[in-house]
C-alpha atoms as a PDB file:
ATOM      1  CA  UNK A   1      -6.482   7.848   6.054  1.00  0.00           C
ATOM      2  CA  UNK A   2      -4.740   4.726   7.278  1.00  0.00           C
ATOM      3  CA  UNK A   3      -3.219   3.171   4.153  1.00  0.00           C
ATOM      4  CA  UNK A   4      -0.142   5.424   3.710  1.00  0.00           C
ATOM      5  CA  UNK A   5       1.011   4.898   7.301  1.00  0.00           C
ATOM      6  CA  UNK A   6       0.128   1.210   7.247  1.00  0.00           C
ATOM      7  CA  UNK A   7       2.088   0.655   4.026  1.00  0.00           C
ATOM      8  CA  UNK A   8       5.113   2.601   5.280  1.00  0.00           C
ATOM      9  CA  UNK A   9       5.274   0.550   8.489  1.00  0.00           C
ATOM     10  CA  UNK A  10       4.753  -2.691   6.575  1.00  0.00           C
ATOM     11  CA  UNK A  11       7.512  -2.019   4.025  1.00  0.00           C
ATOM     12  CA  UNK A  12       9.952  -0.950   6.731  1.00  0.00           C
ATOM     13  CA  UNK A  13       9.426  -4.311   8.442  1.00  0.00           C
ATOM     14  CA  UNK A  14       9.527  -6.369   5.245  1.00  0.00           C
ATOM     15  CA  UNK A  15      12.552  -4.856   3.515  1.00  0.00           C
ATOM     16  CA  UNK A  16      15.793  -5.005   5.477  1.00  0.00           C
ATOM     17  CA  UNK A  17      17.284  -1.943   3.741  1.00  0.00           C
ATOM     18  CA  UNK A  18      14.302   0.159   4.835  1.00  0.00           C
ATOM     19  CA  UNK A  19      14.378  -1.213   8.379  1.00  0.00           C
ATOM     20  CA  UNK A  20      18.038  -0.183   8.639  1.00  0.00           C
ATOM     21  CA  UNK A  21      17.596   3.107   6.745  1.00  0.00           C
ATOM     22  CA  UNK A  22      13.970   4.305   7.066  1.00  0.00           C
ATOM     23  CA  UNK A  23      14.895   7.632   5.442  1.00  0.00           C
ATOM     24  CA  UNK A  24      15.201   5.787   2.102  1.00  0.00           C
ATOM     25  CA  UNK A  25      11.391   5.595   1.901  1.00  0.00           C
ATOM     26  CA  UNK A  26       9.324   8.681   1.084  1.00  0.00           C
ATOM     27  CA  UNK A  27       5.545   8.759   0.651  1.00  0.00           C
ATOM     28  CA  UNK A  28       3.474  11.368  -1.144  1.00  0.00           C
ATOM     29  CA  UNK A  29      -0.212  11.532  -1.946  1.00  0.00           C
ATOM     30  CA  UNK A  30      -0.951  12.836  -5.428  1.00  0.00           C
ATOM     31  CA  UNK A  31      -4.151  13.450  -7.348  1.00  0.00           C
ATOM     32  CA  UNK A  32      -6.339  13.093  -4.267  1.00  0.00           C
ATOM     33  CA  UNK A  33     -10.069  13.452  -4.218  1.00  0.00           C
ATOM     34  CA  UNK A  34     -13.025  12.788  -1.957  1.00  0.00           C
ATOM     35  CA  UNK A  35     -16.246  11.350  -3.357  1.00  0.00           C
ATOM     36  CA  UNK A  36     -19.480  11.764  -1.493  1.00  0.00           C
ATOM     37  CA  UNK A  37     -23.001  10.913  -2.533  1.00  0.00           C
ATOM     38  CA  UNK A  38     -25.982  13.237  -2.394  1.00  0.00           C
ATOM     39  CA  UNK A  39     -27.449  11.431   0.608  1.00  0.00           C
ATOM     40  CA  UNK A  40     -28.025  13.032   4.007  1.00  0.00           C
ATOM     41  CA  UNK A  41     -25.000  11.255   5.529  1.00  0.00           C
ATOM     42  CA  UNK A  42     -21.440  12.569   5.564  1.00  0.00           C
ATOM     43  CA  UNK A  43     -19.668   9.303   4.692  1.00  0.00           C
ATOM     44  CA  UNK A  44     -17.346   9.478   1.695  1.00  0.00           C
ATOM     45  CA  UNK A  45     -14.455   7.775  -0.086  1.00  0.00           C
ATOM     46  CA  UNK A  46     -10.895   9.003  -0.557  1.00  0.00           C
ATOM     47  CA  UNK A  47      -9.482   8.346  -4.009  1.00  0.00           C
ATOM     48  CA  UNK A  48      -5.780   9.090  -4.522  1.00  0.00           C
ATOM     49  CA  UNK A  49      -2.478   8.070  -6.016  1.00  0.00           C
ATOM     50  CA  UNK A  50       0.063   7.049  -3.413  1.00  0.00           C
ATOM     51  CA  UNK A  51       3.609   7.733  -4.603  1.00  0.00           C
ATOM     52  CA  UNK A  52       6.277   5.636  -2.877  1.00  0.00           C
ATOM     53  CA  UNK A  53       9.824   6.766  -3.505  1.00  0.00           C
ATOM     54  CA  UNK A  54      12.637   4.452  -2.455  1.00  0.00           C
ATOM     55  CA  UNK A  55      16.090   5.949  -2.819  1.00  0.00           C
ATOM     56  CA  UNK A  56      19.459   4.281  -3.208  1.00  0.00           C
ATOM     57  CA  UNK A  57      18.208   0.710  -2.931  1.00  0.00           C
ATOM     58  CA  UNK A  58      19.690  -2.465  -4.390  1.00  0.00           C
ATOM     59  CA  UNK A  59      19.053  -3.346  -8.021  1.00  0.00           C
ATOM     60  CA  UNK A  60      16.530  -6.160  -7.415  1.00  0.00           C
ATOM     61  CA  UNK A  61      12.982  -4.803  -7.770  1.00  0.00           C
ATOM     62  CA  UNK A  62      11.454  -8.117  -6.664  1.00  0.00           C
ATOM     63  CA  UNK A  63      12.330  -7.359  -3.048  1.00  0.00           C
ATOM     64  CA  UNK A  64       9.934  -4.390  -3.231  1.00  0.00           C
ATOM     65  CA  UNK A  65       7.214  -5.662  -5.540  1.00  0.00           C
ATOM     66  CA  UNK A  66       6.490  -9.064  -3.991  1.00  0.00           C
ATOM     67  CA  UNK A  67       5.711  -7.674  -0.490  1.00  0.00           C
ATOM     68  CA  UNK A  68       3.975  -4.663  -2.066  1.00  0.00           C
ATOM     69  CA  UNK A  69       1.638  -6.881  -4.084  1.00  0.00           C
ATOM     70  CA  UNK A  70       0.928  -8.955  -0.955  1.00  0.00           C
ATOM     71  CA  UNK A  71      -0.045  -5.717   0.848  1.00  0.00           C
ATOM     72  CA  UNK A  72      -2.275  -4.675  -2.058  1.00  0.00           C
ATOM     73  CA  UNK A  73      -4.029  -8.049  -1.983  1.00  0.00           C
ATOM     74  CA  UNK A  74      -5.201  -7.238   1.561  1.00  0.00           C
ATOM     75  CA  UNK A  75      -5.653  -3.461   1.375  1.00  0.00           C
ATOM     76  CA  UNK A  76      -6.753  -2.862  -2.240  1.00  0.00           C
ATOM     77  CA  UNK A  77      -7.580  -6.223  -3.774  1.00  0.00           C
ATOM     78  CA  UNK A  78     -10.159  -4.682  -6.101  1.00  0.00           C
ATOM     79  CA  UNK A  79      -7.256  -3.055  -7.973  1.00  0.00           C
ATOM     80  CA  UNK A  80      -6.810  -6.386  -9.749  1.00  0.00           C
ATOM     81  CA  UNK A  81     -10.471  -7.379 -10.019  1.00  0.00           C
ATOM     82  CA  UNK A  82     -10.703  -6.452 -13.686  1.00  0.00           C
ATOM     83  CA  UNK A  83      -8.121  -5.925 -16.441  1.00  0.00           C
ATOM     84  CA  UNK A  84      -8.759  -2.179 -16.785  1.00  0.00           C
ATOM     85  CA  UNK A  85      -8.129  -1.549 -13.077  1.00  0.00           C
ATOM     86  CA  UNK A  86      -5.066  -3.802 -13.133  1.00  0.00           C
ATOM     87  CA  UNK A  87      -3.458  -1.725 -15.917  1.00  0.00           C
ATOM     88  CA  UNK A  88      -3.444   1.401 -13.721  1.00  0.00           C
ATOM     89  CA  UNK A  89      -3.161  -0.113 -10.230  1.00  0.00           C
ATOM     90  CA  UNK A  90       0.644  -0.120  -9.988  1.00  0.00           C
ATOM     91  CA  UNK A  91       2.920   2.093 -12.081  1.00  0.00           C
ATOM     92  CA  UNK A  92       6.634   2.695 -11.543  1.00  0.00           C
ATOM     93  CA  UNK A  93       9.721   4.521 -12.747  1.00  0.00           C
ATOM     94  CA  UNK A  94      13.345   3.620 -12.092  1.00  0.00           C
ATOM     95  CA  UNK A  95      16.448   5.801 -12.034  1.00  0.00           C
ATOM     96  CA  UNK A  96      19.550   3.607 -12.295  1.00  0.00           C
ATOM     97  CA  UNK A  97      22.179   5.289 -10.127  1.00  0.00           C
ATOM     98  CA  UNK A  98      24.779   2.562 -10.685  1.00  0.00           C
ATOM     99  CA  UNK A  99      25.010  -1.201 -11.150  1.00  0.00           C
ATOM    100  CA  UNK A 100      24.344  -1.606  -7.410  1.00  0.00           C
ATOM    101  CA  UNK A 101      21.885   1.221  -6.680  1.00  0.00           C
ATOM    102  CA  UNK A 102      18.651   2.618  -8.013  1.00  0.00           C
ATOM    103  CA  UNK A 103      15.885   5.030  -7.100  1.00  0.00           C
ATOM    104  CA  UNK A 104      12.353   3.717  -7.491  1.00  0.00           C
ATOM    105  CA  UNK A 105       9.071   5.616  -7.705  1.00  0.00           C
ATOM    106  CA  UNK A 106       5.926   3.479  -7.433  1.00  0.00           C
ATOM    107  CA  UNK A 107       2.454   4.930  -7.924  1.00  0.00           C
ATOM    108  CA  UNK A 108      -0.531   3.072  -6.493  1.00  0.00           C
ATOM    109  CA  UNK A 109      -4.146   3.950  -7.193  1.00  0.00           C
ATOM    110  CA  UNK A 110      -5.874   3.631  -3.816  1.00  0.00           C
ATOM    111  CA  UNK A 111      -9.261   4.262  -2.264  1.00  0.00           C
ATOM    112  CA  UNK A 112     -10.390   4.381   1.363  1.00  0.00           C
ATOM    113  CA  UNK A 113     -13.888   4.442   2.718  1.00  0.00           C
ATOM    114  CA  UNK A 114     -14.616   6.904   5.498  1.00  0.00           C
ATOM    115  CA  UNK A 115     -17.732   6.201   7.513  1.00  0.00           C
ATOM    116  CA  UNK A 116     -19.227   9.134   9.408  1.00  0.00           C
ATOM    117  CA  UNK A 117     -21.965   8.164  11.852  1.00  0.00           C
ATOM    118  CA  UNK A 118     -24.105  10.674  13.658  1.00  0.00           C
ATOM    119  CA  UNK A 119     -24.552  10.095  17.371  1.00  0.00           C
ATOM    120  CA  UNK A 120     -26.684  11.884  19.960  1.00  0.00           C
ATOM    121  CA  UNK A 121     -26.036  15.543  20.635  1.00  0.00           C
ATOM    122  CA  UNK A 122     -24.537  16.339  17.231  1.00  0.00           C
ATOM    123  CA  UNK A 123     -21.482  14.146  17.810  1.00  0.00           C
ATOM    124  CA  UNK A 124     -20.010  12.602  14.652  1.00  0.00           C
ATOM    125  CA  UNK A 125     -17.973   9.402  14.829  1.00  0.00           C
ATOM    126  CA  UNK A 126     -15.472   8.775  12.024  1.00  0.00           C
ATOM    127  CA  UNK A 127     -13.999   5.365  11.122  1.00  0.00           C
ATOM    128  CA  UNK A 128     -12.046   3.792   8.278  1.00  0.00           C
ATOM    129  CA  UNK A 129     -13.261   0.231   7.794  1.00  0.00           C
ATOM    130  CA  UNK A 130     -10.947  -2.454   6.473  1.00  0.00           C
ATOM    131  CA  UNK A 131     -11.355  -3.612   2.908  1.00  0.00           C
ATOM    132  CA  UNK A 132     -13.572  -6.630   2.258  1.00  0.00           C
ATOM    133  CA  UNK A 133     -11.303  -9.673   2.139  1.00  0.00           C
ATOM    134  CA  UNK A 134     -10.842 -12.394  -0.409  1.00  0.00           C
ATOM    135  CA  UNK A 135     -11.364 -15.967   0.633  1.00  0.00           C
ATOM    136  CA  UNK A 136      -9.481 -18.071   1.307  1.00  0.00           C
ATOM    137  CA  UNK A 137      -7.069 -15.917   3.316  1.00  0.00           C
ATOM    138  CA  UNK A 138      -3.299 -16.279   3.074  1.00  0.00           C
ATOM    139  CA  UNK A 139      -2.255 -19.813   4.037  1.00  0.00           C
ATOM    140  CA  UNK A 140       0.955 -18.858   5.868  1.00  0.00           C
ATOM    141  CA  UNK A 141       1.281 -16.076   8.467  1.00  0.00           C
ATOM    142  CA  UNK A 142       4.958 -15.338   7.658  1.00  0.00           C
ATOM    143  CA  UNK A 143       6.761 -15.207   4.298  1.00  0.00           C
ATOM    144  CA  UNK A 144      10.360 -15.081   3.168  1.00  0.00           C
ATOM    145  CA  UNK A 145      11.327 -14.083  -0.377  1.00  0.00           C
ATOM    146  CA  UNK A 146      14.373 -15.800  -1.887  1.00  0.00           C
ATOM    147  CA  UNK A 147      16.227 -15.538  -5.160  1.00  0.00           C
ATOM    148  CA  UNK A 148      18.290 -18.695  -5.270  1.00  0.00           C
ATOM    149  CA  UNK A 149      19.859 -18.972  -1.816  1.00  0.00           C
ATOM    150  CA  UNK A 150      19.736 -15.217  -1.136  1.00  0.00           C
ATOM    151  CA  UNK A 151      16.951 -13.992   1.132  1.00  0.00           C
ATOM    152  CA  UNK A 152      15.642 -10.706  -0.272  1.00  0.00           C
ATOM    153  CA  UNK A 153      12.888  -9.887   2.228  1.00  0.00           C
ATOM    154  CA  UNK A 154      10.701 -11.349   4.954  1.00  0.00           C
ATOM    155  CA  UNK A 155       7.397 -10.217   6.402  1.00  0.00           C
ATOM    156  CA  UNK A 156       4.234 -11.119   8.244  1.00  0.00           C
ATOM    157  CA  UNK A 157       1.113 -11.347   6.113  1.00  0.00           C
ATOM    158  CA  UNK A 158      -0.312  -7.795   5.863  1.00  0.00           C
ATOM    159  CA  UNK A 159      -2.670  -7.138   8.750  1.00  0.00           C
ATOM    160  CA  UNK A 160      -5.958  -5.295   8.655  1.00  0.00           C
ATOM    161  CA  UNK A 161      -6.128  -2.011  10.550  1.00  0.00           C
END
């Protein structure tokens, strides 16, 4: 699987608090499954809930959700393709520690294709292809998120693996 690591690295670059304190971000995979078809091949799809836990972060959730939704647009855009998927795609819970600090748990419903190709001599080659992309692509390669004059986050457009 590439999405958990890719998302962790992406959020640590985008959110200054996580870049300075990477131990504030924890990732768990819940409710995982693997779906295969009855064909002769061994390719399959992972289906899981990724649980991001951010601890002791500032009170503004926008600094997490705007870059997160940009990442999802590249790595799981089908989550928003229909209203039923969109209802379950991103779920969250907040624990207000104080007026200046909160803990955030975000659950993302993700899938990843795993292609297994048979080569000569019984060798199997595994790969995780990137998600099909929407067109047009993002117009700008770098974004900065502001609330008024305060910069909340900055990041490069999410890259494909």
